[in-house]
Protein backbone atom coordinates (compact mmCIF):
# COMPACT_ATOMS: atom_id res chain seq x y z
CA UNK A 1 6.58 -9.44 -9.05
CA UNK A 2 7.84 -12.14 -7.44
CA UNK A 3 7.98 -11.85 -3.84
CA UNK A 4 8.84 -14.74 -1.47
CA UNK A 5 8.22 -14.37 2.39
CA UNK A 6 10.89 -12.72 4.43
CA UNK A 7 13.03 -15.02 6.45
CA UNK A 8 13.76 -14.37 10.65
CA UNK A 9 16.51 -13.07 11.48
CA UNK A 10 19.03 -15.11 13.64
CA UNK A 11 19.70 -13.43 16.71
CA UNK A 12 22.54 -11.18 17.07
CA UNK A 13 23.12 -11.13 13.08
CA UNK A 14 24.88 -8.14 11.77
CA UNK A 15 22.81 -5.53 9.80
CA UNK A 16 24.61 -5.35 6.43
CA UNK A 17 21.93 -2.83 4.85
CA UNK A 18 18.96 -0.16 6.59
CA UNK A 19 16.06 0.84 5.04
CA UNK A 20 13.45 3.72 5.96
CA UNK A 21 9.98 3.93 5.30
CA UNK A 22 7.14 6.51 5.94
CA UNK A 23 3.43 5.95 5.14
CA UNK A 24 1.65 9.48 4.81
CA UNK A 25 -1.91 8.79 5.26
CA UNK A 26 -4.65 11.05 6.03
CA UNK A 27 -5.36 9.48 9.48
CA UNK A 28 -1.98 8.84 11.09
CA UNK A 29 1.40 9.03 9.45
CA UNK A 30 3.96 6.23 10.54
CA UNK A 31 7.16 5.36 9.84
CA UNK A 32 9.56 1.60 10.09
CA UNK A 33 13.02 1.18 10.09
CA UNK A 34 13.62 -2.06 8.73
CA UNK A 35 17.31 -3.81 8.63
CA UNK A 36 19.01 -6.70 6.34
CA UNK A 37 21.44 -9.19 7.80
CA UNK A 38 24.59 -10.05 5.57
CA UNK A 39 22.86 -13.23 5.06
CA UNK A 40 19.45 -11.37 3.60
CA UNK A 41 17.38 -12.20 6.34
CA UNK A 42 15.19 -9.06 7.27
CA UNK A 43 14.30 -7.42 10.66
CA UNK A 44 12.19 -4.68 11.77
CA UNK A 45 14.91 -2.30 14.08
CA UNK A 46 12.26 0.14 15.11
CA UNK A 47 8.92 1.80 13.88
CA UNK A 48 6.61 4.94 15.11
CA UNK A 49 3.13 6.49 14.35
CA UNK A 50 1.11 9.67 15.25
CA UNK A 51 -1.70 11.21 13.88
CA UNK A 52 -1.44 13.19 10.45
CA UNK A 53 -2.06 16.54 9.85
CA UNK A 54 -2.06 18.58 6.76
CA UNK A 55 -2.87 15.66 4.75
CA UNK A 56 -6.21 15.08 2.95
CA UNK A 57 -7.66 12.16 0.98
CA UNK A 58 -4.02 10.90 -0.26
CA UNK A 59 -2.79 14.43 -1.12
CA UNK A 60 -0.91 17.47 0.82
CA UNK A 61 -3.49 20.09 1.96
CA UNK A 62 -1.02 21.82 4.80
CA UNK A 63 2.84 21.65 3.99
CA UNK A 64 4.18 22.84 7.51
CA UNK A 65 1.76 20.38 9.27
CA UNK A 66 2.86 17.59 7.07
CA UNK A 67 6.57 18.13 7.37
CA UNK A 68 6.03 18.47 11.21
CA UNK A 69 4.00 14.78 11.48
CA UNK A 70 6.75 13.06 8.99
CA UNK A 71 9.92 14.57 11.47
CA UNK A 72 8.07 13.48 14.36
CA UNK A 73 7.05 9.90 13.50
CA UNK A 74 10.29 9.34 11.78
CA UNK A 75 12.34 10.51 14.79
CA UNK A 76 9.60 7.69 17.09
CA UNK A 77 10.84 5.25 14.63
CA UNK A 78 14.47 6.09 15.22
CA UNK A 79 14.48 6.73 18.68
CA UNK A 80 12.99 3.01 19.09
CA UNK A 81 15.44 1.55 16.54
CA UNK A 82 18.37 3.38 18.26
CA UNK A 83 19.78 4.42 15.08
CA UNK A 84 18.93 7.16 12.16
CA UNK A 85 18.43 7.64 8.97
CA UNK A 86 18.92 10.16 5.92
CA UNK A 87 16.26 8.43 3.36
CA UNK A 88 13.36 6.83 3.28
CA UNK A 89 10.73 5.55 0.51
CA UNK A 90 7.60 6.52 0.75
CA UNK A 91 3.91 5.70 -0.20
CA UNK A 92 1.38 7.46 -2.59
CA UNK A 93 -2.73 6.63 -1.75
CA UNK A 94 -4.05 9.21 -3.97
CA UNK A 95 -2.32 11.62 -6.58
CA UNK A 96 -4.61 9.66 -9.49
CA UNK A 97 -2.83 6.61 -9.55
CA UNK A 98 -3.13 4.88 -12.56
CA UNK A 99 -1.91 1.29 -13.37
CA UNK A 100 -0.88 0.05 -17.27
CA UNK A 101 0.89 -2.61 -18.84
CA UNK A 102 3.11 -2.56 -21.76
CA UNK A 103 3.76 -5.40 -24.06
CA UNK A 104 6.67 -5.37 -26.23
CA UNK A 105 8.28 -7.95 -28.16
CA UNK A 106 11.54 -8.60 -30.64
CA UNK A 107 12.58 -11.20 -33.25
CA UNK A 108 15.18 -13.47 -32.11
CA UNK A 109 14.81 -15.38 -35.61
CA UNK A 110 15.19 -19.05 -33.46
CA UNK A 111 18.50 -18.48 -32.14
CA UNK A 112 19.45 -18.65 -28.52
CA UNK A 113 18.70 -15.82 -26.45
CA UNK A 114 21.58 -13.71 -25.35
CA UNK A 115 22.26 -11.07 -22.67
CA UNK A 116 22.18 -8.36 -25.13
CA UNK A 117 18.60 -9.82 -26.46
CA UNK A 118 16.96 -9.16 -22.76
CA UNK A 119 19.19 -5.38 -22.72
CA UNK A 120 17.95 -4.47 -26.21
CA UNK A 121 14.15 -5.79 -25.50
CA UNK A 122 14.04 -3.18 -21.71
CA UNK A 123 15.44 -0.31 -23.53
CA UNK A 124 12.54 -1.20 -26.55
CA UNK A 125 10.20 -1.20 -23.65
CA UNK A 126 11.34 1.92 -22.10
CA UNK A 127 11.21 3.87 -25.32
CA UNK A 128 6.93 2.69 -25.21
CA UNK A 129 6.19 4.30 -22.19
CA UNK A 130 4.57 7.22 -22.78
CA UNK A 131 3.33 9.15 -19.50
CA UNK A 132 1.48 12.00 -21.02
CA UNK A 133 2.54 14.68 -18.10
CA UNK A 134 2.07 12.05 -15.52
CA UNK A 135 4.85 10.73 -13.37
CA UNK A 136 5.86 7.29 -13.59
CA UNK A 137 6.26 5.70 -10.29
CA UNK A 138 7.24 2.35 -11.71
CA UNK A 139 8.07 0.46 -14.74
CA UNK A 140 9.26 -3.01 -13.80
CA UNK A 141 9.88 -5.94 -15.90
CA UNK A 142 6.60 -8.59 -14.67
CA UNK A 143 7.67 -11.67 -16.70
CA UNK A 144 8.79 -12.58 -20.20
CA UNK A 145 7.31 -14.47 -22.95
CA UNK A 146 8.71 -16.54 -25.59
CA UNK A 147 6.65 -16.98 -28.86
CA UNK A 148 3.70 -15.27 -27.08
CA UNK A 149 3.87 -18.28 -23.72
CA UNK A 150 3.88 -16.56 -20.83
CA UNK A 151 5.54 -17.45 -17.30
CA UNK A 152 8.97 -17.28 -18.08
CA UNK A 153 11.42 -16.08 -15.31
CA UNK A 154 14.94 -16.55 -17.15
CA UNK A 155 14.83 -16.62 -21.14
CA UNK A 156 18.83 -16.40 -21.40
CA UNK A 157 19.97 -19.69 -23.48
CA UNK A 158 16.96 -20.40 -24.26
CA UNK A 159 15.52 -20.46 -28.13
CA UNK A 160 12.80 -18.74 -29.77
CA UNK A 161 11.56 -16.83 -33.05
CA UNK A 162 9.86 -13.63 -30.70
CA UNK A 163 10.86 -12.63 -27.26
CA UNK A 164 8.79 -10.31 -25.15
CA UNK A 165 8.25 -8.85 -22.00
CA UNK A 166 5.48 -7.42 -20.30
CA UNK A 167 6.07 -4.29 -18.37
CA UNK A 168 4.23 -2.66 -15.43
CA UNK A 169 3.79 1.07 -15.20
CA UNK A 170 1.85 3.31 -12.46
CA UNK A 171 1.36 6.48 -13.45
CA UNK A 172 0.68 9.30 -10.53
CA UNK A 173 -0.33 12.98 -10.58
CA UNK A 174 2.87 14.90 -10.71
CA UNK A 175 1.84 17.94 -8.80
CA UNK A 176 0.90 15.63 -5.77
CA UNK A 177 3.88 13.16 -5.75
CA UNK A 178 6.12 16.64 -5.90
CA UNK A 179 4.02 17.74 -3.22
CA UNK A 180 4.71 14.53 -1.03
CA UNK A 181 8.50 14.71 -1.76
CA UNK A 182 8.22 18.10 -1.00
CA UNK A 183 7.21 17.48 2.33
CA UNK A 184 9.38 14.64 3.46
CA UNK A 185 12.52 16.89 1.96
CA UNK A 186 11.27 19.82 4.01
CA UNK A 187 11.57 17.23 6.83
CA UNK A 188 15.43 16.94 6.32
CA UNK A 189 14.99 13.28 4.83
CA UNK A 190 16.23 12.28 1.16
CA UNK A 191 13.57 10.71 -1.15
CA UNK A 192 14.61 7.07 -1.98
CA UNK A 193 11.65 6.20 -4.19
CA UNK A 194 7.87 7.11 -4.29
CA UNK A 195 6.09 3.91 -4.07
CA UNK A 196 1.99 3.27 -5.15
CA UNK A 197 0.81 2.32 -1.73
CA UNK A 198 -1.48 -0.70 -3.73
CA UNK A 199 1.98 -1.96 -4.79
CA UNK A 200 3.34 -2.09 -1.19
CA UNK A 201 0.60 -3.33 0.68
CA UNK A 202 0.66 -6.31 -2.28
CA UNK A 203 4.37 -7.14 -1.24
CA UNK A 204 3.08 -7.34 2.11
CA UNK A 205 -0.44 -9.04 2.25
CA UNK A 206 -0.61 -11.44 -0.91
CA UNK A 207 0.76 -14.31 -1.68
CA UNK A 208 2.76 -15.14 -5.15
CA UNK A 209 0.09 -17.59 -5.79
CA UNK A 210 -2.61 -15.34 -5.56
CA UNK A 211 -0.89 -12.97 -6.97
CA UNK A 212 -0.65 -15.53 -9.77
CA UNK A 213 -4.24 -16.93 -10.11
CA UNK A 214 -5.32 -13.72 -9.50
CA UNK A 215 -6.82 -11.43 -6.49
CA UNK A 216 -8.61 -8.12 -5.57
CA UNK A 217 -6.77 -5.90 -2.80
CA UNK A 218 -8.94 -3.57 -1.40
CA UNK A 219 -7.10 -1.06 1.02
CA UNK A 220 -9.51 0.76 2.79
CA UNK A 221 -7.63 4.34 4.38
CA UNK A 222 -9.48 6.93 6.53
CA UNK A 223 -10.39 8.61 3.53
CA UNK A 224 -9.39 6.75 0.35
CA UNK A 225 -10.16 3.05 -0.62
CA UNK A 226 -7.48 1.79 -3.47
CA UNK A 227 -9.17 -0.84 -5.33
CA UNK A 228 -6.48 -3.18 -7.20
CA UNK A 229 -6.53 -6.38 -8.93
CA UNK A 230 -3.83 -8.50 -9.26
CA UNK A 231 -3.17 -11.36 -12.07
CA UNK A 232 -0.31 -13.05 -13.84
CA UNK A 233 1.98 -11.76 -10.78
CA UNK A 234 1.58 -8.29 -11.61
CA UNK A 235 -0.93 -5.31 -10.64
CA UNK A 236 -3.18 -5.11 -14.05
CA UNK A 237 -6.07 -2.12 -12.79
CA UNK A 238 -6.62 -0.02 -10.10
CA UNK A 239 -9.37 1.80 -8.88
CA UNK A 240 -9.51 4.65 -6.24
CA UNK A 241 -12.37 5.68 -4.18
CA UNK A 242 -12.98 9.02 -2.32
CA UNK A 243 -14.33 6.97 0.66
CA UNK A 244 -12.99 5.21 4.02
CA UNK A 245 -12.73 4.41 7.57
CA UNK A 246 -13.07 7.86 8.12
CA UNK A 247 -16.49 8.73 6.37
CA UNK A 248 -17.92 6.02 8.60
CA UNK A 249 -16.49 7.66 11.83
CA UNK A 250 -18.21 10.71 10.69
CA UNK A 251 -21.51 9.18 9.55
CA UNK A 252 -21.40 8.00 13.62
CA UNK A 253 -20.33 11.96 14.87
CA UNK A 254 -23.61 12.86 12.55
CA UNK A 255 -25.75 10.12 14.22
CA UNK A 256 -25.85 10.91 17.40
CA UNK A 257 -24.63 14.25 17.47
CA UNK A 258 -21.09 13.59 19.26
CA UNK A 259 -17.41 14.57 18.04
CA UNK A 260 -15.33 12.89 15.90
CA UNK A 261 -12.62 11.22 18.96
CA UNK A 262 -15.76 10.03 20.28
CA UNK A 263 -17.65 8.38 17.42
CA UNK A 264 -13.85 6.90 16.66
CA UNK A 265 -13.73 5.08 19.69
CA UNK A 266 -17.29 3.88 19.75
CA UNK A 267 -16.42 2.48 16.10
CA UNK A 268 -13.25 0.77 17.04
CA UNK A 269 -14.02 -0.14 20.56
CA UNK A 270 -18.10 -1.08 20.47
CA UNK A 271 -18.40 -1.56 16.62
CA UNK A 272 -19.08 -4.43 14.08
CA UNK A 273 -20.06 -4.94 10.70
CA UNK A 274 -22.22 -7.87 11.82
CA UNK A 275 -25.01 -7.14 14.05
CA UNK A 276 -26.15 -10.06 17.05
CA UNK A 277 -29.38 -10.22 18.78
CA UNK A 278 -27.66 -9.12 21.91
CA UNK A 279 -27.15 -5.75 20.32
CA UNK A 280 -30.69 -4.44 21.59
CA UNK A 281 -29.51 -4.83 24.94
CA UNK A 282 -26.48 -4.03 25.51
CA UNK A 283 -26.09 -0.38 26.31
CA UNK A 284 -22.22 0.99 25.47
CA UNK A 285 -20.78 4.10 27.07
CA UNK A 286 -20.63 6.98 24.45
CA UNK A 287 -16.79 8.06 25.65
CA UNK A 288 -14.74 6.68 28.61
CA UNK A 289 -14.20 8.46 31.74
CA UNK A 290 -12.27 11.99 31.29
CA UNK A 291 -11.76 11.18 27.60
CA UNK A 292 -11.17 13.56 25.21
CA UNK A 293 -8.26 15.09 23.40
CA UNK A 294 -5.43 16.46 24.87
CA UNK A 295 -6.40 15.17 28.23
CA UNK A 296 -9.83 17.07 27.72
CA UNK A 297 -13.04 16.21 29.63
CA UNK A 298 -15.22 13.87 27.96
CA UNK A 299 -17.28 14.67 24.84
CA UNK A 300 -20.75 15.42 24.41
CA UNK A 301 -24.15 14.19 25.58
CA UNK A 302 -25.37 11.61 22.24
CA UNK A 303 -28.25 11.95 20.91
CA UNK A 304 -30.88 9.25 22.31
CA UNK A 305 -28.20 8.45 25.31
CA UNK A 306 -29.88 7.30 28.54
CA UNK A 307 -28.73 9.88 31.49
CA UNK A 308 -25.31 7.93 31.95
CA UNK A 309 -24.26 8.97 28.29
CA UNK A 310 -25.05 5.21 26.91
CA UNK A 311 -26.40 4.15 23.99
CA UNK A 312 -27.77 0.70 22.59
CA UNK A 313 -25.21 -1.42 20.53
CA UNK A 314 -27.71 -2.13 17.87
CA UNK A 315 -28.22 1.61 16.67
CA UNK A 316 -24.36 2.21 16.70
CA UNK A 317 -24.09 -0.91 14.53
CA UNK A 318 -27.05 -0.01 12.57
CA UNK A 319 -25.48 3.22 11.52
CA UNK A 320 -22.17 1.69 10.79
CA UNK A 321 -23.42 -1.26 8.66
CA UNK A 322 -25.53 1.23 6.23
CA UNK A 323 -22.44 3.83 5.94
CA UNK A 324 -20.09 0.45 5.38
CA UNK A 325 -22.88 -0.34 2.63
CA UNK A 326 -22.47 2.09 0.60
CA UNK A 327 -18.53 1.85 0.78
CA UNK A 328 -19.01 -2.06 -0.32
CA UNK A 329 -21.00 -0.71 -3.17
CA UNK A 330 -18.76 1.50 -4.52
CA UNK A 331 -16.02 -1.53 -4.03
CA UNK A 332 -18.14 -3.58 -5.75
CA UNK A 333 -18.50 -1.10 -8.69
CA UNK A 334 -14.86 -0.76 -8.82
CA UNK A 335 -14.23 -4.65 -9.49
CA UNK A 336 -16.74 -4.89 -11.63
CA UNK A 337 -14.74 -1.87 -13.94
CA UNK A 338 -11.44 -3.99 -13.66
CA UNK A 339 -13.54 -7.24 -14.46
CA UNK A 340 -13.13 -8.96 -11.40
CA UNK A 341 -16.59 -10.05 -11.14
CA UNK A 342 -18.96 -12.88 -11.51
CA UNK A 343 -17.31 -15.65 -13.26
CA UNK A 344 -14.47 -14.02 -13.64
CA UNK A 345 -13.72 -12.97 -10.17
CA UNK A 346 -12.16 -14.43 -6.75
CA UNK A 347 -10.34 -13.74 -3.58
CA UNK A 348 -10.65 -10.49 -2.03
CA UNK A 349 -7.81 -9.13 0.42
CA UNK A 350 -8.93 -6.65 2.92
CA UNK A 351 -6.50 -4.21 4.29
CA UNK A 352 -5.50 -1.14 5.71
CA UNK A 353 -6.92 0.88 8.91
CA UNK A 354 -10.09 0.45 8.02
CA UNK A 355 -10.05 -3.27 7.25
CA UNK A 356 -9.91 -4.04 11.41
CA UNK A 357 -13.34 -3.24 11.80
CA UNK A 358 -14.69 -5.93 13.43
CA UNK A 359 -16.80 -8.16 11.27
CA UNK A 360 -15.41 -7.09 8.09
CA UNK A 361 -14.71 -9.83 6.00
CA UNK A 362 -18.23 -11.69 7.05
CA UNK A 363 -19.89 -8.48 5.83
CA UNK A 364 -17.72 -8.05 3.09
CA UNK A 365 -17.94 -11.58 1.66
CA UNK A 366 -22.07 -11.58 2.08
CA UNK A 367 -22.14 -8.33 -0.03
CA UNK A 368 -19.28 -9.04 -2.95
CA UNK A 369 -20.65 -12.56 -2.86
CA UNK A 370 -16.99 -13.65 -3.34
CA UNK A 371 -14.45 -15.34 -0.89
CA UNK A 372 -12.99 -12.40 1.51
CA UNK A 373 -9.63 -12.13 3.85
CA UNK A 374 -8.29 -9.65 6.20
CA UNK A 375 -4.70 -8.89 4.78
CA UNK A 376 -1.86 -8.31 7.47
CA UNK A 377 1.88 -8.22 7.32
CA UNK A 378 3.56 -11.36 7.38
CA UNK A 379 5.44 -12.28 10.27
CA UNK A 380 8.68 -9.96 10.97
CA UNK A 381 11.68 -10.28 13.59
CA UNK A 382 11.32 -6.87 15.56
CA UNK A 383 7.81 -6.08 14.43
CA UNK A 384 5.87 -4.34 17.76
CA UNK A 385 2.72 -6.39 18.11
CA UNK A 386 0.88 -3.03 17.90
CA UNK A 387 1.90 -2.70 14.32
CA UNK A 388 1.08 -6.06 13.07
CA UNK A 389 -2.47 -5.25 12.12
CA UNK A 390 -3.89 -4.17 8.53
CA UNK A 391 -3.54 -0.80 9.29
CA UNK A 392 0.12 -1.11 9.26
CA UNK A 393 0.41 -3.65 6.11
CA UNK A 394 1.28 -0.86 3.75
CA UNK A 395 3.94 0.52 5.84
CA UNK A 396 5.71 -3.40 6.18
CA UNK A 397 4.59 -3.63 2.35
CA UNK A 398 6.91 -0.50 1.86
CA UNK A 399 10.09 -1.88 3.82
CA UNK A 400 9.77 -5.51 1.59
CA UNK A 401 9.45 -3.07 -1.49
CA UNK A 402 12.46 -1.34 -0.59
CA UNK A 403 14.05 -4.82 0.25
CA UNK A 404 13.03 -6.31 -2.99
CA UNK A 405 14.25 -2.87 -4.76
CA UNK A 406 12.89 -4.15 -8.45
CA UNK A 407 14.29 -3.35 -11.20
CA UNK A 408 13.06 0.03 -13.04
CA UNK A 409 13.73 -0.60 -17.14
CA UNK A 410 14.28 3.67 -16.91
CA UNK A 411 17.87 2.54 -15.51
CA UNK A 412 18.46 0.47 -18.83
CA UNK A 413 21.28 1.64 -20.84
CA UNK A 414 24.40 1.77 -21.81
CA UNK A 415 27.15 3.02 -18.70
CA UNK A 416 27.64 6.94 -19.08
CA UNK A 417 24.16 6.73 -20.95
CA UNK A 418 21.94 9.62 -19.00
CA UNK A 419 18.74 8.19 -17.05
CA UNK A 420 15.49 9.72 -18.79
CA UNK A 421 13.03 11.27 -16.55
CA UNK A 422 9.69 10.28 -18.27
CA UNK A 423 7.29 13.12 -17.44
CA UNK A 424 7.59 13.58 -13.96
CA UNK A 425 10.40 14.78 -11.24
CA UNK A 426 10.92 11.60 -10.07
CA UNK A 427 14.44 10.02 -10.98
CA UNK A 428 14.80 6.58 -11.89
CA UNK A 429 15.65 4.09 -8.90
CA UNK A 430 18.95 2.21 -9.74
CA UNK A 431 21.78 2.72 -11.07
CA UNK A 432 23.43 1.65 -14.18
CA UNK A 433 25.99 -0.88 -12.14
CA UNK A 434 22.90 -1.94 -9.39
CA UNK A 435 20.62 -2.69 -12.30
CA UNK A 436 23.10 -4.88 -13.77
CA UNK A 437 23.87 -6.80 -10.97
CA UNK A 438 20.15 -6.40 -10.41
CA UNK A 439 19.73 -8.39 -14.20
CA UNK A 440 22.24 -11.60 -13.35
CA UNK A 441 21.38 -12.26 -9.95
CA UNK A 442 17.32 -12.32 -10.73
CA UNK A 443 16.11 -12.86 -14.09
């Protein structure tokens, strides 16, 4: 998964390709349209988002509501871009995501490695995939090995006794993935591919060196937190935690007896994961003037508030840190289960909408005992400031993934050979002609 930093597009550059992406979350549904110039530079043509409907913890729960929200988000992006799209890449954050690495070797006998040897190896690797009724989202060659030695980008022309390849396979439960696809298709859009959310976010937030040396990417969504560990350039393990920033909002709403929209505002505007001595003296309004969904009057009087409906900031932060502590404890358990703890731990990167909570990196670093930073998308030409935040890193990463369009070994085979669907409803990502072009250019 070698990903180079996107280059800034020159002014008035001609757009040669257009990619559409939709990130279907439980809190918001967002869409982005990215263009690639004839010189290979990337530019964001337009983006848009709206409140999510019909989605819970990464699963479609109301097809009609989700379809409407997806169509609305895409139309906002199209309006900003000044162009329409017919197909999109979509992210999958739930659906029982599972990551595996398959290692395959063939005998070469010490001779020079030819193109046919690489094709034979990838076909062998393809036949090793056993999804057990799951959908295969990705089956990507991460890197090659020569006589067991890793880090070989292009084995052609080299000599070896044995040629091997490590294949990163991402699996998901079939029915939830089909529901995601149907919601998008019902919004009159074709699905280019379904991409595992941690893989897309990794394209946006992680450097090539981090992915090689070892890094944990923690994407804090509204209802789901995905913990993914990368090393040797690929995603090695994944855990999904059924908790997120929405649970912290609910804890605030419950503690003060207020509505969710009031609690969300308090968390985002005045909340923090780190306490300060002045918090006890600072009184914060529970709602803004005339604030409410759809222009309704401000919400409920908070439990324990003064006559102006204000609470001490210290009380808010106490509730937030207690709820955040529970989530961070689960993150720590997931990292330990993935072997990313103690002496084998390292850099942790927090992203997703939940990572926008003030002081979260400092709180998490103290709790986990590991270096922590906040991850966001790299600078992209045309990316609005409002969308250059951790909450939109997955969306930007989805576009970067689409532009990179990694090879999928399910498309390997002689011209005219039917492409196989390994256990799910997803078709291989690449045509045969496209595959061979990519092989020659990148491997």
